[in-house]
C-alpha cells in the first residue's frame, strides 16, 4: 500500500510469521 492509513487484515493468509518494510523517503523500517 502507498496509503499512510493502510490496514492489513491478512485475508486468505495462513497463521504464522510475516515480515514488513515501511519505506520513507530517507529510511526504511523492517520487522516481523
ModelCIF file with pLDDT and N, C-alpha, C, O atoms, coordinates in Angstrom:
data_MODEL
#
_entry.id   MODEL 
#
_entity.id                         1 
_entity.type                       polymer 
_entity.pdbx_number_of_molecules   1 
#
_entity_poly.entity_id                      1 
_entity_poly.type                           'polypeptide(L)' 
_entity_poly.nstd_linkage                   no 
_entity_poly.nstd_monomer                   no 
_entity_poly.pdbx_seq_one_letter_code       
;(UNK)(UNK)(UNK)(UNK)(UNK)(UNK)(UNK)(UNK)(UNK)(UNK)(UNK)(UNK)(UNK)(UNK)(UNK)(UNK)
(UNK)(UNK)(UNK)(UNK)(UNK)(UNK)(UNK)(UNK)(UNK)(UNK)(UNK)(UNK)(UNK)(UNK)(UNK)(UNK)
;
_entity_poly.pdbx_seq_one_letter_code_can   XXXXXXXXXXXXXXXXXXXXXXXXXXXXXXXX 
_entity_poly.pdbx_strand_id                 A 
#
loop_
_entity_poly_seq.entity_id 
_entity_poly_seq.num 
_entity_poly_seq.mon_id 
_entity_poly_seq.hetero 
1 1  UNK n 
1 2  UNK n 
1 3  UNK n 
1 4  UNK n 
1 5  UNK n 
1 6  UNK n 
1 7  UNK n 
1 8  UNK n 
1 9  UNK n 
1 10 UNK n 
1 11 UNK n 
1 12 UNK n 
1 13 UNK n 
1 14 UNK n 
1 15 UNK n 
1 16 UNK n 
1 17 UNK n 
1 18 UNK n 
1 19 UNK n 
1 20 UNK n 
1 21 UNK n 
1 22 UNK n 
1 23 UNK n 
1 24 UNK n 
1 25 UNK n 
1 26 UNK n 
1 27 UNK n 
1 28 UNK n 
1 29 UNK n 
1 30 UNK n 
1 31 UNK n 
1 32 UNK n 
#
_struct_asym.id          A 
_struct_asym.entity_id   1 
#
loop_
_ma_qa_metric.id 
_ma_qa_metric.mode 
_ma_qa_metric.name 
_ma_qa_metric.software_group_id 
_ma_qa_metric.type 
1 global pLDDT . pLDDT 
2 local  pLDDT . pLDDT 
#
_ma_qa_metric_global.metric_id      1 
_ma_qa_metric_global.metric_value   94.25 
_ma_qa_metric_global.model_id       1 
_ma_qa_metric_global.ordinal_id     1 
#
loop_
_ma_qa_metric_local.label_asym_id 
_ma_qa_metric_local.label_comp_id 
_ma_qa_metric_local.label_seq_id 
_ma_qa_metric_local.metric_id 
_ma_qa_metric_local.metric_value 
_ma_qa_metric_local.model_id 
_ma_qa_metric_local.ordinal_id 
A UNK 1  2 97.00 1 1  
A UNK 2  2 97.00 1 2  
A UNK 3  2 93.00 1 3  
A UNK 4  2 89.00 1 4  
A UNK 5  2 86.00 1 5  
A UNK 6  2 90.00 1 6  
A UNK 7  2 90.00 1 7  
A UNK 8  2 91.00 1 8  
A UNK 9  2 91.00 1 9  
A UNK 10 2 93.00 1 10 
A UNK 11 2 90.00 1 11 
A UNK 12 2 91.00 1 12 
A UNK 13 2 95.00 1 13 
A UNK 14 2 95.00 1 14 
A UNK 15 2 96.00 1 15 
A UNK 16 2 96.00 1 16 
A UNK 17 2 97.00 1 17 
A UNK 18 2 98.00 1 18 
A UNK 19 2 98.00 1 19 
A UNK 20 2 97.00 1 20 
A UNK 21 2 97.00 1 21 
A UNK 22 2 96.00 1 22 
A UNK 23 2 97.00 1 23 
A UNK 24 2 96.00 1 24 
A UNK 25 2 95.00 1 25 
A UNK 26 2 93.00 1 26 
A UNK 27 2 93.00 1 27 
A UNK 28 2 95.00 1 28 
A UNK 29 2 94.00 1 29 
A UNK 30 2 97.00 1 30 
A UNK 31 2 96.00 1 31 
A UNK 32 2 97.00 1 32 
#
loop_
_atom_site.group_PDB 
_atom_site.id 
_atom_site.type_symbol 
_atom_site.label_atom_id 
_atom_site.label_alt_id 
_atom_site.label_comp_id 
_atom_site.label_asym_id 
_atom_site.label_entity_id 
_atom_site.label_seq_id 
_atom_site.pdbx_PDB_ins_code 
_atom_site.Cartn_x 
_atom_site.Cartn_y 
_atom_site.Cartn_z 
_atom_site.occupancy 
_atom_site.B_iso_or_equiv 
_atom_site.pdbx_formal_charge 
_atom_site.auth_seq_id 
_atom_site.auth_comp_id 
_atom_site.auth_asym_id 
_atom_site.auth_atom_id 
_atom_site.pdbx_PDB_model_num 
ATOM 1   N N  . UNK A 1 1  ? 0.832  -1.191  0.000  1.00 97.00 ? 1  UNK A N  1 
ATOM 2   C CA . UNK A 1 1  ? 0.000  0.000   0.000  1.00 97.00 ? 1  UNK A CA 1 
ATOM 3   C C  . UNK A 1 1  ? 0.869  1.245   0.000  1.00 97.00 ? 1  UNK A C  1 
ATOM 4   O O  . UNK A 1 1  ? 1.957  1.269   0.575  1.00 97.00 ? 1  UNK A O  1 
ATOM 5   N N  . UNK A 1 2  ? 0.365  2.268   -0.653 1.00 97.00 ? 2  UNK A N  1 
ATOM 6   C CA . UNK A 1 2  ? 1.027  3.574   -0.613 1.00 97.00 ? 2  UNK A CA 1 
ATOM 7   C C  . UNK A 1 2  ? 0.199  4.554   0.223  1.00 97.00 ? 2  UNK A C  1 
ATOM 8   O O  . UNK A 1 2  ? 0.497  5.748   0.268  1.00 97.00 ? 2  UNK A O  1 
ATOM 9   N N  . UNK A 1 3  ? -0.835 4.043   0.878  1.00 93.00 ? 3  UNK A N  1 
ATOM 10  C CA . UNK A 1 3  ? -1.687 4.859   1.745  1.00 93.00 ? 3  UNK A CA 1 
ATOM 11  C C  . UNK A 1 3  ? -1.144 4.847   3.167  1.00 93.00 ? 3  UNK A C  1 
ATOM 12  O O  . UNK A 1 3  ? -0.933 3.777   3.740  1.00 93.00 ? 3  UNK A O  1 
ATOM 13  N N  . UNK A 1 4  ? -0.919 6.005   3.733  1.00 89.00 ? 4  UNK A N  1 
ATOM 14  C CA . UNK A 1 4  ? -0.406 6.100   5.099  1.00 89.00 ? 4  UNK A CA 1 
ATOM 15  C C  . UNK A 1 4  ? -1.373 5.478   6.113  1.00 89.00 ? 4  UNK A C  1 
ATOM 16  O O  . UNK A 1 4  ? -0.935 4.965   7.144  1.00 89.00 ? 4  UNK A O  1 
ATOM 17  N N  . UNK A 1 5  ? -2.652 5.515   5.840  1.00 86.00 ? 5  UNK A N  1 
ATOM 18  C CA . UNK A 1 5  ? -3.653 4.953   6.746  1.00 86.00 ? 5  UNK A CA 1 
ATOM 19  C C  . UNK A 1 5  ? -4.017 3.519   6.360  1.00 86.00 ? 5  UNK A C  1 
ATOM 20  O O  . UNK A 1 5  ? -5.158 3.092   6.542  1.00 86.00 ? 5  UNK A O  1 
ATOM 21  N N  . UNK A 1 6  ? -3.054 2.787   5.832  1.00 90.00 ? 6  UNK A N  1 
ATOM 22  C CA . UNK A 1 6  ? -3.287 1.407   5.385  1.00 90.00 ? 6  UNK A CA 1 
ATOM 23  C C  . UNK A 1 6  ? -3.796 0.531   6.532  1.00 90.00 ? 6  UNK A C  1 
ATOM 24  O O  . UNK A 1 6  ? -3.574 0.817   7.709  1.00 90.00 ? 6  UNK A O  1 
ATOM 25  N N  . UNK A 1 7  ? -4.487 -0.548  6.145  1.00 90.00 ? 7  UNK A N  1 
ATOM 26  C CA . UNK A 1 7  ? -4.907 -1.593  7.073  1.00 90.00 ? 7  UNK A CA 1 
ATOM 27  C C  . UNK A 1 7  ? -4.687 -2.928  6.370  1.00 90.00 ? 7  UNK A C  1 
ATOM 28  O O  . UNK A 1 7  ? -5.079 -3.092  5.215  1.00 90.00 ? 7  UNK A O  1 
ATOM 29  N N  . UNK A 1 8  ? -4.077 -3.862  7.045  1.00 91.00 ? 8  UNK A N  1 
ATOM 30  C CA . UNK A 1 8  ? -3.893 -5.208  6.505  1.00 91.00 ? 8  UNK A CA 1 
ATOM 31  C C  . UNK A 1 8  ? -4.498 -6.182  7.486  1.00 91.00 ? 8  UNK A C  1 
ATOM 32  O O  . UNK A 1 8  ? -4.028 -6.307  8.617  1.00 91.00 ? 8  UNK A O  1 
ATOM 33  N N  . UNK A 1 9  ? -5.528 -6.867  7.064  1.00 91.00 ? 9  UNK A N  1 
ATOM 34  C CA . UNK A 1 9  ? -6.224 -7.812  7.934  1.00 91.00 ? 9  UNK A CA 1 
ATOM 35  C C  . UNK A 1 9  ? -5.870 -9.256  7.614  1.00 91.00 ? 9  UNK A C  1 
ATOM 36  O O  . UNK A 1 9  ? -6.511 -10.172 8.129  1.00 91.00 ? 9  UNK A O  1 
ATOM 37  N N  . UNK A 1 10 ? -4.873 -9.478  6.782  1.00 93.00 ? 10 UNK A N  1 
ATOM 38  C CA . UNK A 1 10 ? -4.366 -10.811 6.430  1.00 93.00 ? 10 UNK A CA 1 
ATOM 39  C C  . UNK A 1 10 ? -5.431 -11.725 5.845  1.00 93.00 ? 10 UNK A C  1 
ATOM 40  O O  . UNK A 1 10 ? -5.526 -12.883 6.252  1.00 93.00 ? 10 UNK A O  1 
ATOM 41  N N  . UNK A 1 11 ? -6.240 -11.243 4.898  1.00 90.00 ? 11 UNK A N  1 
ATOM 42  C CA . UNK A 1 11 ? -7.242 -12.138 4.313  1.00 90.00 ? 11 UNK A CA 1 
ATOM 43  C C  . UNK A 1 11 ? -6.570 -13.262 3.534  1.00 90.00 ? 11 UNK A C  1 
ATOM 44  O O  . UNK A 1 11 ? -5.601 -13.036 2.810  1.00 90.00 ? 11 UNK A O  1 
ATOM 45  N N  . UNK A 1 12 ? -7.080 -14.441 3.686  1.00 91.00 ? 12 UNK A N  1 
ATOM 46  C CA . UNK A 1 12 ? -6.579 -15.623 2.960  1.00 91.00 ? 12 UNK A CA 1 
ATOM 47  C C  . UNK A 1 12 ? -5.118 -15.948 3.258  1.00 91.00 ? 12 UNK A C  1 
ATOM 48  O O  . UNK A 1 12 ? -4.465 -16.608 2.450  1.00 91.00 ? 12 UNK A O  1 
ATOM 49  N N  . UNK A 1 13 ? -4.593 -15.502 4.393  1.00 95.00 ? 13 UNK A N  1 
ATOM 50  C CA . UNK A 1 13 ? -3.216 -15.815 4.769  1.00 95.00 ? 13 UNK A CA 1 
ATOM 51  C C  . UNK A 1 13 ? -3.220 -16.803 5.935  1.00 95.00 ? 13 UNK A C  1 
ATOM 52  O O  . UNK A 1 13 ? -4.070 -16.730 6.823  1.00 95.00 ? 13 UNK A O  1 
ATOM 53  N N  . UNK A 1 14 ? -2.282 -17.706 5.920  1.00 95.00 ? 14 UNK A N  1 
ATOM 54  C CA . UNK A 1 14 ? -2.161 -18.692 6.987  1.00 95.00 ? 14 UNK A CA 1 
ATOM 55  C C  . UNK A 1 14 ? -1.580 -18.050 8.244  1.00 95.00 ? 14 UNK A C  1 
ATOM 56  O O  . UNK A 1 14 ? -0.886 -17.036 8.173  1.00 95.00 ? 14 UNK A O  1 
ATOM 57  N N  . UNK A 1 15 ? -1.869 -18.645 9.377  1.00 96.00 ? 15 UNK A N  1 
ATOM 58  C CA . UNK A 1 15 ? -1.243 -18.190 10.623 1.00 96.00 ? 15 UNK A CA 1 
ATOM 59  C C  . UNK A 1 15 ? 0.262  -18.388 10.502 1.00 96.00 ? 15 UNK A C  1 
ATOM 60  O O  . UNK A 1 15 ? 0.717  -19.343 9.873  1.00 96.00 ? 15 UNK A O  1 
ATOM 61  N N  . UNK A 1 16 ? 1.026  -17.498 11.097 1.00 96.00 ? 16 UNK A N  1 
ATOM 62  C CA . UNK A 1 16 ? 2.479  -17.610 11.055 1.00 96.00 ? 16 UNK A CA 1 
ATOM 63  C C  . UNK A 1 16 ? 3.152  -16.263 11.135 1.00 96.00 ? 16 UNK A C  1 
ATOM 64  O O  . UNK A 1 16 ? 2.521  -15.251 11.440 1.00 96.00 ? 16 UNK A O  1 
ATOM 65  N N  . UNK A 1 17 ? 4.439  -16.261 10.859 1.00 97.00 ? 17 UNK A N  1 
ATOM 66  C CA . UNK A 1 17 ? 5.248  -15.040 10.925 1.00 97.00 ? 17 UNK A CA 1 
ATOM 67  C C  . UNK A 1 17 ? 5.320  -14.405 9.543  1.00 97.00 ? 17 UNK A C  1 
ATOM 68  O O  . UNK A 1 17 ? 5.545  -15.084 8.540  1.00 97.00 ? 17 UNK A O  1 
ATOM 69  N N  . UNK A 1 18 ? 5.126  -13.095 9.510  1.00 98.00 ? 18 UNK A N  1 
ATOM 70  C CA . UNK A 1 18 ? 5.237  -12.308 8.289  1.00 98.00 ? 18 UNK A CA 1 
ATOM 71  C C  . UNK A 1 18 ? 6.228  -11.180 8.549  1.00 98.00 ? 18 UNK A C  1 
ATOM 72  O O  . UNK A 1 18 ? 6.505  -10.832 9.697  1.00 98.00 ? 18 UNK A O  1 
ATOM 73  N N  . UNK A 1 19 ? 6.749  -10.624 7.484  1.00 98.00 ? 19 UNK A N  1 
ATOM 74  C CA . UNK A 1 19 ? 7.751  -9.561  7.593  1.00 98.00 ? 19 UNK A CA 1 
ATOM 75  C C  . UNK A 1 19 ? 7.228  -8.330  6.877  1.00 98.00 ? 19 UNK A C  1 
ATOM 76  O O  . UNK A 1 19 ? 6.504  -8.433  5.887  1.00 98.00 ? 19 UNK A O  1 
ATOM 77  N N  . UNK A 1 20 ? 7.601  -7.163  7.387  1.00 97.00 ? 20 UNK A N  1 
ATOM 78  C CA . UNK A 1 20 ? 7.130  -5.926  6.776  1.00 97.00 ? 20 UNK A CA 1 
ATOM 79  C C  . UNK A 1 20 ? 8.288  -4.976  6.532  1.00 97.00 ? 20 UNK A C  1 
ATOM 80  O O  . UNK A 1 20 ? 9.334  -5.059  7.177  1.00 97.00 ? 20 UNK A O  1 
ATOM 81  N N  . UNK A 1 21 ? 8.078  -4.077  5.590  1.00 97.00 ? 21 UNK A N  1 
ATOM 82  C CA . UNK A 1 21 ? 9.017  -2.994  5.301  1.00 97.00 ? 21 UNK A CA 1 
ATOM 83  C C  . UNK A 1 21 ? 8.186  -1.732  5.085  1.00 97.00 ? 21 UNK A C  1 
ATOM 84  O O  . UNK A 1 21 ? 7.363  -1.673  4.171  1.00 97.00 ? 21 UNK A O  1 
ATOM 85  N N  . UNK A 1 22 ? 8.404  -0.729  5.928  1.00 96.00 ? 22 UNK A N  1 
ATOM 86  C CA . UNK A 1 22 ? 7.736  0.559   5.792  1.00 96.00 ? 22 UNK A CA 1 
ATOM 87  C C  . UNK A 1 22 ? 8.775  1.525   5.240  1.00 96.00 ? 22 UNK A C  1 
ATOM 88  O O  . UNK A 1 22 ? 9.766  1.833   5.902  1.00 96.00 ? 22 UNK A O  1 
ATOM 89  N N  . UNK A 1 23 ? 8.540  1.998   4.023  1.00 97.00 ? 23 UNK A N  1 
ATOM 90  C CA . UNK A 1 23 ? 9.530  2.840   3.343  1.00 97.00 ? 23 UNK A CA 1 
ATOM 91  C C  . UNK A 1 23 ? 9.163  4.310   3.437  1.00 97.00 ? 23 UNK A C  1 
ATOM 92  O O  . UNK A 1 23 ? 8.043  4.718   3.130  1.00 97.00 ? 23 UNK A O  1 
ATOM 93  N N  . UNK A 1 24 ? 10.126 5.078   3.865  1.00 96.00 ? 24 UNK A N  1 
ATOM 94  C CA . UNK A 1 24 ? 10.058 6.535   3.859  1.00 96.00 ? 24 UNK A CA 1 
ATOM 95  C C  . UNK A 1 24 ? 11.080 7.032   2.845  1.00 96.00 ? 24 UNK A C  1 
ATOM 96  O O  . UNK A 1 24 ? 11.891 6.251   2.347  1.00 96.00 ? 24 UNK A O  1 
ATOM 97  N N  . UNK A 1 25 ? 11.047 8.301   2.543  1.00 95.00 ? 25 UNK A N  1 
ATOM 98  C CA . UNK A 1 25 ? 11.960 8.872   1.562  1.00 95.00 ? 25 UNK A CA 1 
ATOM 99  C C  . UNK A 1 25 ? 13.422 8.554   1.893  1.00 95.00 ? 25 UNK A C  1 
ATOM 100 O O  . UNK A 1 25 ? 14.184 8.173   1.005  1.00 95.00 ? 25 UNK A O  1 
ATOM 101 N N  . UNK A 1 26 ? 13.815 8.704   3.150  1.00 93.00 ? 26 UNK A N  1 
ATOM 102 C CA . UNK A 1 26 ? 15.217 8.543   3.543  1.00 93.00 ? 26 UNK A CA 1 
ATOM 103 C C  . UNK A 1 26 ? 15.486 7.366   4.464  1.00 93.00 ? 26 UNK A C  1 
ATOM 104 O O  . UNK A 1 26 ? 16.626 7.174   4.887  1.00 93.00 ? 26 UNK A O  1 
ATOM 105 N N  . UNK A 1 27 ? 14.473 6.571   4.788  1.00 93.00 ? 27 UNK A N  1 
ATOM 106 C CA . UNK A 1 27 ? 14.686 5.482   5.741  1.00 93.00 ? 27 UNK A CA 1 
ATOM 107 C C  . UNK A 1 27 ? 13.679 4.378   5.508  1.00 93.00 ? 27 UNK A C  1 
ATOM 108 O O  . UNK A 1 27 ? 12.575 4.621   5.020  1.00 93.00 ? 27 UNK A O  1 
ATOM 109 N N  . UNK A 1 28 ? 14.066 3.154   5.863  1.00 95.00 ? 28 UNK A N  1 
ATOM 110 C CA . UNK A 1 28 ? 13.158 2.017   5.768  1.00 95.00 ? 28 UNK A CA 1 
ATOM 111 C C  . UNK A 1 28 ? 13.138 1.303   7.109  1.00 95.00 ? 28 UNK A C  1 
ATOM 112 O O  . UNK A 1 28 ? 14.188 1.026   7.688  1.00 95.00 ? 28 UNK A O  1 
ATOM 113 N N  . UNK A 1 29 ? 11.951 1.008   7.598  1.00 94.00 ? 29 UNK A N  1 
ATOM 114 C CA . UNK A 1 29 ? 11.774 0.304   8.851  1.00 94.00 ? 29 UNK A CA 1 
ATOM 115 C C  . UNK A 1 29 ? 11.347 -1.122  8.523  1.00 94.00 ? 29 UNK A C  1 
ATOM 116 O O  . UNK A 1 29 ? 10.425 -1.325  7.732  1.00 94.00 ? 29 UNK A O  1 
ATOM 117 N N  . UNK A 1 30 ? 12.009 -2.113  9.124  1.00 97.00 ? 30 UNK A N  1 
ATOM 118 C CA . UNK A 1 30 ? 11.698 -3.508  8.868  1.00 97.00 ? 30 UNK A CA 1 
ATOM 119 C C  . UNK A 1 30 ? 11.454 -4.233  10.175 1.00 97.00 ? 30 UNK A C  1 
ATOM 120 O O  . UNK A 1 30 ? 11.999 -3.867  11.217 1.00 97.00 ? 30 UNK A O  1 
ATOM 121 N N  . UNK A 1 31 ? 10.630 -5.265  10.108 1.00 96.00 ? 31 UNK A N  1 
ATOM 122 C CA . UNK A 1 31 ? 10.360 -6.044  11.293 1.00 96.00 ? 31 UNK A CA 1 
ATOM 123 C C  . UNK A 1 31 ? 9.479  -7.237  10.960 1.00 96.00 ? 31 UNK A C  1 
ATOM 124 O O  . UNK A 1 31 ? 9.244  -7.551  9.793  1.00 96.00 ? 31 UNK A O  1 
ATOM 125 N N  . UNK A 1 32 ? 9.000  -7.887  11.998 1.00 97.00 ? 32 UNK A N  1 
ATOM 126 C CA . UNK A 1 32 ? 8.152  -9.057  11.793 1.00 97.00 ? 32 UNK A CA 1 
ATOM 127 C C  . UNK A 1 32 ? 6.879  -8.898  12.611 1.00 97.00 ? 32 UNK A C  1 
ATOM 128 O O  . UNK A 1 32 ? 6.016  -9.775  12.587 1.00 97.00 ? 32 UNK A O  1 
#
